[in-house]
């Protein structure tokens, strides 16, 4: 198979109505979330709302945790709804709710009301929590089994691309003289466009319409966890996916403060570093299809896990050297940063952490969808969302604990998380030997032919 035919096979889904409107809807939703969230974070870091590094660390982690909390609270109900009703219909209603939320968000931005912005951030998290189980259970319903990896790779690419654009737009526009007004109009426009796109998603009727929605979240959550644990591999995929979001969140959340306090960088440098990480994730997501030749390959997961730790440790070492060498400088611009010793190295490390993160997460998401029965897939995916949320909130508390309570440096925190990654994924691979055995098989029989192409 030549290169052009491989690219065609990976991106042909963009010509399909069963995928493109869904992809656009997901992309715009992630874009809006991140425009608003990063505008809020820049306001917290760059204005007089806070008065010290420790308070800045607390507020930054608190805001991120507030966005994540609804996934923990509402995912069980969201999973039941997605298993009981047409998923496309649910998505349209959720996108309509986003328009209302963004109207209120526009007012909060225009008035610079920090408390109201935090409430809106919680509501955006709630909207995303209801969207998630419907989104991930719709993918295997509309795509064939041999399209599953490509579909997840495109969704991952689009999501992280939206995170990048949202980070750049939200972080930059809010600093302009009329930034609040521009952002207010933009988030309303994006939400309306996302709702319009959702109206073209083909129907995805329930495969378990007899399922009754229970408002007893504790009982239903326990039942969903039992379903998730019926398949050992599925449950450990959930744990591995959740760990990835904790790991990635620990890095992404600290990048703004890392840029200012460790790299002595100008705020514009924040966007460059975030872009390197996110471009890496998007690249790694697309590379999955190439490396596994279009099939869901568990063997890529150990490769991704190793890369996450190796380049995080390298980033920490280079950062310490950079900080000692350039301690006398301040307000370093992106152009200056790349010309300084260690600057380009740091940028490449962040990109490679993201790339190996993409290799780690895409096969796990595909395995989770592929190995879960269709009539209970959304409820199992709601367990994934809950555990994801628990780990991500835990990551926020880790940041608060190590950085605010213990007073560790951000570099020391990065080293700790990189070492923890080796321990956590090592335990998962021991519990599910398939990952390591498939990795060994992939290296011996799959990787070598790939190099000869």
Protein backbone atom coordinates (compact mmCIF):
# COMPACT_ATOMS: atom_id res chain seq x y z
CA UNK A 1 0.00 0.00 0.00
CA UNK A 2 1.54 3.35 -1.01
CA UNK A 3 1.51 6.49 1.08
CA UNK A 4 -1.30 8.25 -0.78
CA UNK A 5 -3.65 5.28 -0.44
CA UNK A 6 -2.94 5.10 3.30
CA UNK A 7 -3.75 8.81 3.70
CA UNK A 8 -6.93 8.32 1.71
CA UNK A 9 -7.96 5.36 3.84
CA UNK A 10 -7.40 7.32 7.05
CA UNK A 11 -9.25 10.49 6.05
CA UNK A 12 -12.07 9.12 3.90
CA UNK A 13 -14.47 9.49 6.84
CA UNK A 14 -14.55 13.25 6.27
CA UNK A 15 -16.57 12.56 3.13
CA UNK A 16 -19.21 10.63 5.09
CA UNK A 17 -22.33 12.24 6.52
CA UNK A 18 -22.30 9.60 9.25
CA UNK A 19 -19.04 11.15 10.53
CA UNK A 20 -18.39 14.72 9.32
CA UNK A 21 -21.29 16.57 11.06
CA UNK A 22 -20.51 14.73 14.28
CA UNK A 23 -16.82 15.60 13.94
CA UNK A 24 -17.58 19.29 13.39
CA UNK A 25 -20.01 19.34 16.33
CA UNK A 26 -17.42 17.78 18.63
CA UNK A 27 -14.65 20.05 17.36
CA UNK A 28 -16.68 23.24 17.92
CA UNK A 29 -17.79 22.13 21.38
CA UNK A 30 -14.22 21.52 22.50
CA UNK A 31 -13.20 24.83 20.92
CA UNK A 32 -15.78 26.81 22.88
CA UNK A 33 -14.95 25.11 26.17
CA UNK A 34 -11.29 25.97 25.79
CA UNK A 35 -11.77 29.52 24.57
CA UNK A 36 -13.73 30.33 27.70
CA UNK A 37 -11.62 28.25 30.11
CA UNK A 38 -8.30 29.67 28.92
CA UNK A 39 -9.58 33.23 28.86
CA UNK A 40 -10.51 32.71 32.51
CA UNK A 41 -7.10 31.21 33.35
CA UNK A 42 -5.29 34.13 31.72
CA UNK A 43 -7.45 36.55 33.71
CA UNK A 44 -6.51 34.68 36.89
CA UNK A 45 -2.78 34.59 36.11
CA UNK A 46 -2.34 38.01 34.49
CA UNK A 47 -4.49 40.41 36.52
CA UNK A 48 -4.68 41.56 40.10
CA UNK A 49 -7.32 38.94 40.97
CA UNK A 50 -4.63 37.04 42.84
CA UNK A 51 -1.65 38.27 44.78
CA UNK A 52 0.92 35.48 45.15
CA UNK A 53 2.35 32.44 43.38
CA UNK A 54 0.72 30.04 45.84
CA UNK A 55 -2.69 31.69 45.37
CA UNK A 56 -2.21 31.63 41.60
CA UNK A 57 -1.44 27.90 41.75
CA UNK A 58 -4.55 27.34 43.88
CA UNK A 59 -6.89 29.35 41.64
CA UNK A 60 -5.53 27.75 38.47
CA UNK A 61 -6.03 24.22 39.78
CA UNK A 62 -9.39 25.12 41.34
CA UNK A 63 -10.74 26.43 38.02
CA UNK A 64 -9.66 23.28 36.17
CA UNK A 65 -11.12 21.07 38.89
CA UNK A 66 -14.40 22.99 38.73
CA UNK A 67 -14.73 22.22 35.02
CA UNK A 68 -14.04 18.53 35.61
CA UNK A 69 -16.31 18.04 38.62
CA UNK A 70 -19.60 17.71 36.63
CA UNK A 71 -18.22 14.66 34.82
CA UNK A 72 -18.07 12.97 38.19
CA UNK A 73 -21.51 14.15 39.22
CA UNK A 74 -23.61 13.66 36.08
CA UNK A 75 -21.99 10.98 33.91
CA UNK A 76 -24.14 8.15 35.28
CA UNK A 77 -27.34 9.91 34.22
CA UNK A 78 -25.74 10.87 30.89
CA UNK A 79 -24.85 7.23 30.19
CA UNK A 80 -28.37 6.05 30.91
CA UNK A 81 -29.84 8.69 28.60
CA UNK A 82 -27.44 7.78 25.78
CA UNK A 83 -28.35 4.07 26.09
CA UNK A 84 -32.10 4.83 26.25
CA UNK A 85 -32.64 7.54 23.62
CA UNK A 86 -31.44 8.52 20.17
CA UNK A 87 -27.90 9.83 20.59
CA UNK A 88 -28.15 12.35 17.75
CA UNK A 89 -31.27 13.85 19.32
CA UNK A 90 -29.49 14.13 22.68
CA UNK A 91 -26.56 15.88 21.04
CA UNK A 92 -28.83 18.46 19.40
CA UNK A 93 -30.49 19.25 22.73
CA UNK A 94 -27.13 19.50 24.51
CA UNK A 95 -25.81 21.88 21.87
CA UNK A 96 -28.92 24.03 22.25
CA UNK A 97 -28.17 24.26 25.97
CA UNK A 98 -24.64 25.39 25.12
CA UNK A 99 -26.05 28.46 23.37
CA UNK A 100 -27.83 29.52 26.56
CA UNK A 101 -24.73 28.91 28.66
CA UNK A 102 -22.58 30.97 26.31
CA UNK A 103 -25.02 33.87 26.39
CA UNK A 104 -24.53 33.96 30.15
CA UNK A 105 -20.78 33.48 29.66
CA UNK A 106 -20.68 36.51 27.38
CA UNK A 107 -22.21 38.64 30.12
CA UNK A 108 -19.65 37.33 32.64
CA UNK A 109 -16.78 38.24 30.31
CA UNK A 110 -18.14 41.70 29.55
CA UNK A 111 -18.53 42.48 33.25
CA UNK A 112 -15.30 40.67 34.27
CA UNK A 113 -17.31 38.91 36.96
CA UNK A 114 -14.91 36.19 38.15
CA UNK A 115 -17.46 34.39 40.34
CA UNK A 116 -19.94 34.19 37.47
CA UNK A 117 -17.19 32.97 35.14
CA UNK A 118 -16.51 30.11 37.55
CA UNK A 119 -20.23 29.22 37.55
CA UNK A 120 -20.25 29.24 33.74
CA UNK A 121 -17.17 27.03 33.73
CA UNK A 122 -19.05 24.53 35.90
CA UNK A 123 -22.05 24.65 33.53
CA UNK A 124 -19.79 24.05 30.52
CA UNK A 125 -18.39 21.03 32.30
CA UNK A 126 -21.95 19.82 32.94
CA UNK A 127 -22.86 20.21 29.27
CA UNK A 128 -19.72 18.32 28.24
CA UNK A 129 -20.46 15.57 30.79
CA UNK A 130 -23.82 14.86 29.15
CA UNK A 131 -22.27 15.02 25.67
CA UNK A 132 -19.45 12.52 26.36
CA UNK A 133 -21.26 9.14 26.66
CA UNK A 134 -23.46 9.95 23.66
CA UNK A 135 -20.40 10.97 21.64
CA UNK A 136 -18.22 7.96 22.32
CA UNK A 137 -21.04 5.41 22.03
CA UNK A 138 -22.17 6.95 18.71
CA UNK A 139 -18.74 6.40 17.07
CA UNK A 140 -18.93 2.57 16.96
CA UNK A 141 -22.64 2.77 16.06
CA UNK A 142 -21.97 4.80 12.91
CA UNK A 143 -18.56 3.40 11.95
CA UNK A 144 -17.56 -0.09 10.86
CA UNK A 145 -15.13 -2.06 12.99
CA UNK A 146 -12.31 -1.45 10.48
CA UNK A 147 -12.99 2.30 10.68
CA UNK A 148 -12.97 2.51 14.45
CA UNK A 149 -9.30 3.36 14.93
CA UNK A 150 -9.36 5.99 12.18
CA UNK A 151 -12.53 7.54 13.62
CA UNK A 152 -11.06 7.77 17.10
CA UNK A 153 -7.81 9.16 15.69
CA UNK A 154 -9.71 11.90 13.83
CA UNK A 155 -11.80 12.75 16.90
CA UNK A 156 -8.68 12.89 19.06
CA UNK A 157 -6.91 15.04 16.48
CA UNK A 158 -9.89 17.38 16.22
CA UNK A 159 -10.37 17.59 19.98
CA UNK A 160 -6.75 18.46 20.70
CA UNK A 161 -6.66 20.79 17.71
CA UNK A 162 -9.64 22.58 19.23
CA UNK A 163 -7.90 22.68 22.60
CA UNK A 164 -4.95 24.33 20.85
CA UNK A 165 -7.08 26.88 18.99
CA UNK A 166 -9.19 27.57 22.08
CA UNK A 167 -6.04 28.07 24.14
CA UNK A 168 -4.51 30.43 21.59
CA UNK A 169 -7.70 32.38 20.93
CA UNK A 170 -8.88 32.58 24.53
CA UNK A 171 -5.44 33.42 25.90
CA UNK A 172 -4.64 36.03 23.26
CA UNK A 173 -7.93 37.80 22.55
CA UNK A 174 -8.71 38.37 26.24
CA UNK A 175 -5.56 40.51 26.52
CA UNK A 176 -6.72 42.94 23.82
CA UNK A 177 -8.33 46.26 24.71
CA UNK A 178 -11.73 45.09 23.40
CA UNK A 179 -11.00 41.41 24.01
CA UNK A 180 -14.00 40.73 26.24
CA UNK A 181 -16.43 41.98 23.59
CA UNK A 182 -14.71 39.98 20.82
CA UNK A 183 -14.71 36.79 22.89
CA UNK A 184 -18.36 37.29 23.85
CA UNK A 185 -19.44 37.41 20.22
CA UNK A 186 -17.16 34.54 19.25
CA UNK A 187 -18.36 32.03 21.84
CA UNK A 188 -21.99 32.70 20.90
CA UNK A 189 -21.20 32.28 17.19
CA UNK A 190 -19.32 29.00 17.79
CA UNK A 191 -22.14 27.58 19.94
CA UNK A 192 -24.80 28.41 17.32
CA UNK A 193 -22.66 26.89 14.54
CA UNK A 194 -22.12 23.75 16.61
CA UNK A 195 -25.87 23.39 17.16
CA UNK A 196 -26.48 23.82 13.40
CA UNK A 197 -23.92 21.11 12.64
CA UNK A 198 -25.50 18.74 15.17
CA UNK A 199 -28.77 18.88 13.24
CA UNK A 200 -27.09 16.99 10.38
CA UNK A 201 -25.87 14.06 12.49
CA UNK A 202 -27.72 10.91 11.28
CA UNK A 203 -30.06 9.22 13.70
CA UNK A 204 -28.45 6.87 16.21
CA UNK A 205 -31.42 5.10 17.83
CA UNK A 206 -31.13 3.33 21.15
CA UNK A 207 -30.27 -0.36 21.02
CA UNK A 208 -31.77 -0.78 24.46
CA UNK A 209 -34.93 1.34 24.45
CA UNK A 210 -36.42 -0.76 27.26
CA UNK A 211 -33.75 0.56 29.62
CA UNK A 212 -35.42 2.74 32.26
CA UNK A 213 -33.63 5.86 33.46
CA UNK A 214 -32.99 5.73 37.19
CA UNK A 215 -32.47 8.90 39.21
CA UNK A 216 -30.82 6.90 42.00
CA UNK A 217 -27.30 7.74 40.92
CA UNK A 218 -25.56 5.70 43.63
CA UNK A 219 -27.36 2.45 42.77
CA UNK A 220 -27.04 2.99 39.03
CA UNK A 221 -23.38 3.94 39.27
CA UNK A 222 -22.64 0.75 41.22
CA UNK A 223 -24.49 -1.28 38.58
CA UNK A 224 -22.56 0.44 35.78
CA UNK A 225 -19.27 -0.31 37.52
CA UNK A 226 -20.27 -3.98 37.74
CA UNK A 227 -20.93 -3.98 33.98
CA UNK A 228 -17.57 -2.34 33.30
CA UNK A 229 -15.75 -4.93 35.40
CA UNK A 230 -17.34 -7.87 33.54
CA UNK A 231 -14.52 -7.54 31.02
CA UNK A 232 -11.15 -7.22 32.78
CA UNK A 233 -9.45 -5.58 29.80
CA UNK A 234 -12.22 -2.99 29.46
CA UNK A 235 -11.93 -2.00 33.10
CA UNK A 236 -8.16 -1.61 32.95
CA UNK A 237 -8.52 0.38 29.71
CA UNK A 238 -10.72 2.75 31.72
CA UNK A 239 -8.04 3.04 34.40
CA UNK A 240 -5.31 3.65 31.81
CA UNK A 241 -7.37 6.28 29.98
CA UNK A 242 -8.11 8.00 33.28
CA UNK A 243 -4.45 8.00 34.22
CA UNK A 244 -3.61 9.64 30.88
CA UNK A 245 -6.00 12.50 31.60
CA UNK A 246 -4.52 12.97 35.06
CA UNK A 247 -1.01 12.91 33.61
CA UNK A 248 -1.79 15.31 30.77
CA UNK A 249 -3.74 17.62 33.04
CA UNK A 250 -0.80 17.85 35.45
CA UNK A 251 1.35 19.16 32.61
CA UNK A 252 -1.15 21.37 30.75
CA UNK A 253 -2.45 23.06 33.90
CA UNK A 254 1.03 24.04 35.06
CA UNK A 255 2.34 25.30 31.69
CA UNK A 256 1.29 28.97 32.22
CA UNK A 257 2.99 29.21 35.61
CA UNK A 258 5.92 27.05 34.42
CA UNK A 259 6.49 29.48 31.56
CA UNK A 260 6.56 32.55 33.78
CA UNK A 261 8.36 31.23 36.88
CA UNK A 262 10.76 28.60 35.49
CA UNK A 263 11.44 29.81 31.95
CA UNK A 264 11.14 33.54 32.77
CA UNK A 265 9.00 33.81 29.68
CA UNK A 266 6.65 36.44 28.33
CA UNK A 267 2.95 35.41 28.52
CA UNK A 268 2.99 34.93 24.72
CA UNK A 269 5.38 32.02 25.23
CA UNK A 270 2.62 30.13 27.09
CA UNK A 271 0.70 29.61 23.86
CA UNK A 272 3.79 28.35 22.02
CA UNK A 273 4.52 25.69 24.65
CA UNK A 274 0.89 24.59 24.85
CA UNK A 275 0.81 24.41 21.05
CA UNK A 276 3.85 22.13 21.00
CA UNK A 277 2.22 19.70 23.44
CA UNK A 278 -1.14 19.66 21.68
CA UNK A 279 0.29 19.40 18.16
CA UNK A 280 2.23 16.43 19.46
CA UNK A 281 -0.93 14.71 20.71
CA UNK A 282 -2.72 15.33 17.40
CA UNK A 283 0.28 13.99 15.47
CA UNK A 284 0.53 10.92 17.68
CA UNK A 285 -3.18 10.25 17.24
CA UNK A 286 -2.86 10.23 13.46
CA UNK A 287 0.37 8.22 13.63
CA UNK A 288 -1.53 5.39 15.35
CA UNK A 289 -3.26 4.52 12.08
CA UNK A 290 0.06 4.39 10.25
CA UNK A 291 1.89 2.33 12.87
CA UNK A 292 -0.91 -0.22 13.35
CA UNK A 293 -2.00 -0.25 9.69
CA UNK A 294 -5.58 0.64 10.52
CA UNK A 295 -6.31 -2.01 13.14
CA UNK A 296 -6.83 -1.50 16.87
CA UNK A 297 -3.39 -2.39 18.23
CA UNK A 298 -2.97 -2.73 22.04
CA UNK A 299 0.79 -3.01 21.49
CA UNK A 300 1.06 0.74 20.89
CA UNK A 301 0.02 1.48 24.48
CA UNK A 302 3.33 0.43 26.16
CA UNK A 303 5.25 2.42 23.55
CA UNK A 304 3.20 5.50 24.39
CA UNK A 305 3.61 4.96 28.12
CA UNK A 306 7.41 4.75 27.89
CA UNK A 307 7.62 7.89 25.80
CA UNK A 308 5.45 9.85 28.24
CA UNK A 309 7.90 9.27 31.09
CA UNK A 310 11.19 9.40 29.19
CA UNK A 311 10.55 12.81 27.66
CA UNK A 312 8.95 14.22 30.81
CA UNK A 313 12.09 13.35 32.74
CA UNK A 314 14.22 14.85 29.99
CA UNK A 315 12.07 18.00 30.05
CA UNK A 316 12.61 18.32 33.79
CA UNK A 317 16.39 17.96 33.50
CA UNK A 318 16.64 20.50 30.68
CA UNK A 319 14.33 22.90 32.53
CA UNK A 320 16.56 22.90 35.60
CA UNK A 321 19.62 23.60 33.45
CA UNK A 322 17.76 26.33 31.56
CA UNK A 323 16.56 27.98 34.78
CA UNK A 324 20.08 28.07 36.25
CA UNK A 325 21.65 29.39 33.03
CA UNK A 326 19.11 32.12 32.26
CA UNK A 327 18.07 33.20 35.76
CA UNK A 328 19.02 36.84 35.08
CA UNK A 329 16.63 37.18 32.13
CA UNK A 330 12.96 38.06 32.25
CA UNK A 331 10.06 38.52 29.84
CA UNK A 332 11.66 36.18 27.29
CA UNK A 333 9.76 36.29 24.00
CA UNK A 334 9.14 33.19 21.86
CA UNK A 335 11.84 34.25 19.38
CA UNK A 336 14.38 34.79 22.16
CA UNK A 337 13.40 31.51 23.81
CA UNK A 338 14.18 29.47 20.72
CA UNK A 339 17.60 31.13 20.40
CA UNK A 340 18.59 30.37 24.01
CA UNK A 341 20.36 27.15 24.96
CA UNK A 342 17.76 24.58 25.98
CA UNK A 343 14.80 26.47 24.50
CA UNK A 344 14.30 24.35 21.39
CA UNK A 345 15.04 21.22 23.43
CA UNK A 346 12.20 22.07 25.84
CA UNK A 347 9.82 22.70 22.93
CA UNK A 348 10.68 19.34 21.32
CA UNK A 349 10.29 17.53 24.64
CA UNK A 350 6.78 18.94 25.07
CA UNK A 351 5.88 17.92 21.54
CA UNK A 352 7.18 14.38 22.05
CA UNK A 353 5.31 14.03 25.36
CA UNK A 354 2.17 14.90 23.43
CA UNK A 355 3.02 12.57 20.53
CA UNK A 356 3.51 9.55 22.79
CA UNK A 357 0.33 10.56 24.63
CA UNK A 358 -1.55 10.23 21.34
CA UNK A 359 -0.05 6.77 20.78
CA UNK A 360 -1.19 5.86 24.29
CA UNK A 361 -4.77 7.14 24.32
CA UNK A 362 -6.20 6.39 20.84
CA UNK A 363 -5.80 2.56 20.99
CA UNK A 364 -7.24 2.56 24.52
CA UNK A 365 -10.36 4.49 23.47
CA UNK A 366 -10.82 2.19 20.47
CA UNK A 367 -10.42 -0.95 22.59
CA UNK A 368 -12.95 0.34 25.10
CA UNK A 369 -15.57 0.91 22.41
CA UNK A 370 -14.77 -2.28 20.51
CA UNK A 371 -14.94 -4.62 23.49
CA UNK A 372 -18.14 -3.30 25.09
CA UNK A 373 -21.60 -4.63 24.14
CA UNK A 374 -23.60 -2.08 22.13
CA UNK A 375 -26.70 -2.23 24.33
CA UNK A 376 -24.77 -1.07 27.41
CA UNK A 377 -21.86 0.77 25.82
CA UNK A 378 -22.91 4.28 26.90
CA UNK A 379 -23.32 3.21 30.52
CA UNK A 380 -19.88 1.61 30.53
CA UNK A 381 -18.53 4.76 28.90
CA UNK A 382 -20.17 6.76 31.69
CA UNK A 383 -18.01 4.77 34.11
CA UNK A 384 -15.02 5.82 32.02
CA UNK A 385 -16.13 9.45 32.34
CA UNK A 386 -16.58 9.16 36.11
CA UNK A 387 -13.19 7.53 36.64
CA UNK A 388 -11.62 10.05 34.23
CA UNK A 389 -13.15 12.84 36.30
CA UNK A 390 -11.99 11.31 39.56
CA UNK A 391 -8.42 11.06 38.27
CA UNK A 392 -8.50 14.56 36.77
CA UNK A 393 -9.83 16.12 39.95
CA UNK A 394 -7.20 14.08 41.77
CA UNK A 395 -4.60 15.60 39.44
CA UNK A 396 -5.80 19.08 40.41
CA UNK A 397 -5.47 18.17 44.08
CA UNK A 398 -2.01 16.74 43.39
CA UNK A 399 -1.03 20.07 41.90
CA UNK A 400 -2.45 21.97 44.88
CA UNK A 401 -0.80 19.60 47.36
CA UNK A 402 2.70 19.50 45.88
CA UNK A 403 2.86 23.10 44.67
CA UNK A 404 0.80 25.04 47.20
CA UNK A 405 0.97 22.94 50.39
CA UNK A 406 4.45 21.42 50.16
CA UNK A 407 5.86 24.31 48.16
CA UNK A 408 7.64 22.12 45.60
CA UNK A 409 8.77 23.62 42.31
CA UNK A 410 6.91 22.84 39.11
CA UNK A 411 9.95 20.93 37.79
CA UNK A 412 9.98 18.70 40.88
CA UNK A 413 6.27 18.10 40.33
CA UNK A 414 6.91 17.06 36.71
CA UNK A 415 9.56 14.55 37.84
CA UNK A 416 7.17 13.07 40.41
CA UNK A 417 4.39 12.61 37.87
CA UNK A 418 6.78 11.04 35.32
CA UNK A 419 7.94 8.46 37.88
CA UNK A 420 4.37 7.78 38.99
CA UNK A 421 3.48 7.13 35.35
CA UNK A 422 5.97 4.25 35.16
CA UNK A 423 4.57 2.74 38.34
CA UNK A 424 0.90 3.07 37.38
CA UNK A 425 1.17 1.77 33.81
CA UNK A 426 3.51 -0.98 35.01
CA UNK A 427 0.80 -2.25 37.36
CA UNK A 428 -1.80 -2.06 34.56
CA UNK A 429 0.42 -4.03 32.19
CA UNK A 430 0.98 -6.69 34.86
CA UNK A 431 -2.79 -7.01 35.34
CA UNK A 432 -3.44 -7.14 31.58
CA UNK A 433 -0.46 -8.94 29.97
CA UNK A 434 -2.06 -8.52 26.53
CA UNK A 435 -0.54 -5.04 26.25
CA UNK A 436 3.04 -6.25 26.63
CA UNK A 437 2.56 -9.42 24.57
CA UNK A 438 0.99 -7.43 21.74
CA UNK A 439 3.79 -4.86 21.97
CA UNK A 440 6.37 -7.62 21.61
CA UNK A 441 4.49 -9.13 18.68
CA UNK A 442 4.03 -5.72 17.04
CA UNK A 443 7.74 -4.91 17.28
CA UNK A 444 8.79 -8.30 15.86
CA UNK A 445 6.20 -8.68 13.10
CA UNK A 446 4.71 -5.25 12.51
CA UNK A 447 7.32 -2.58 13.03
CA UNK A 448 10.01 -4.06 10.81
CA UNK A 449 7.79 -4.33 7.71
CA UNK A 450 6.71 -0.74 8.33
CA UNK A 451 10.32 0.45 8.15
CA UNK A 452 10.80 -1.30 4.83
CA UNK A 453 7.93 0.55 3.15
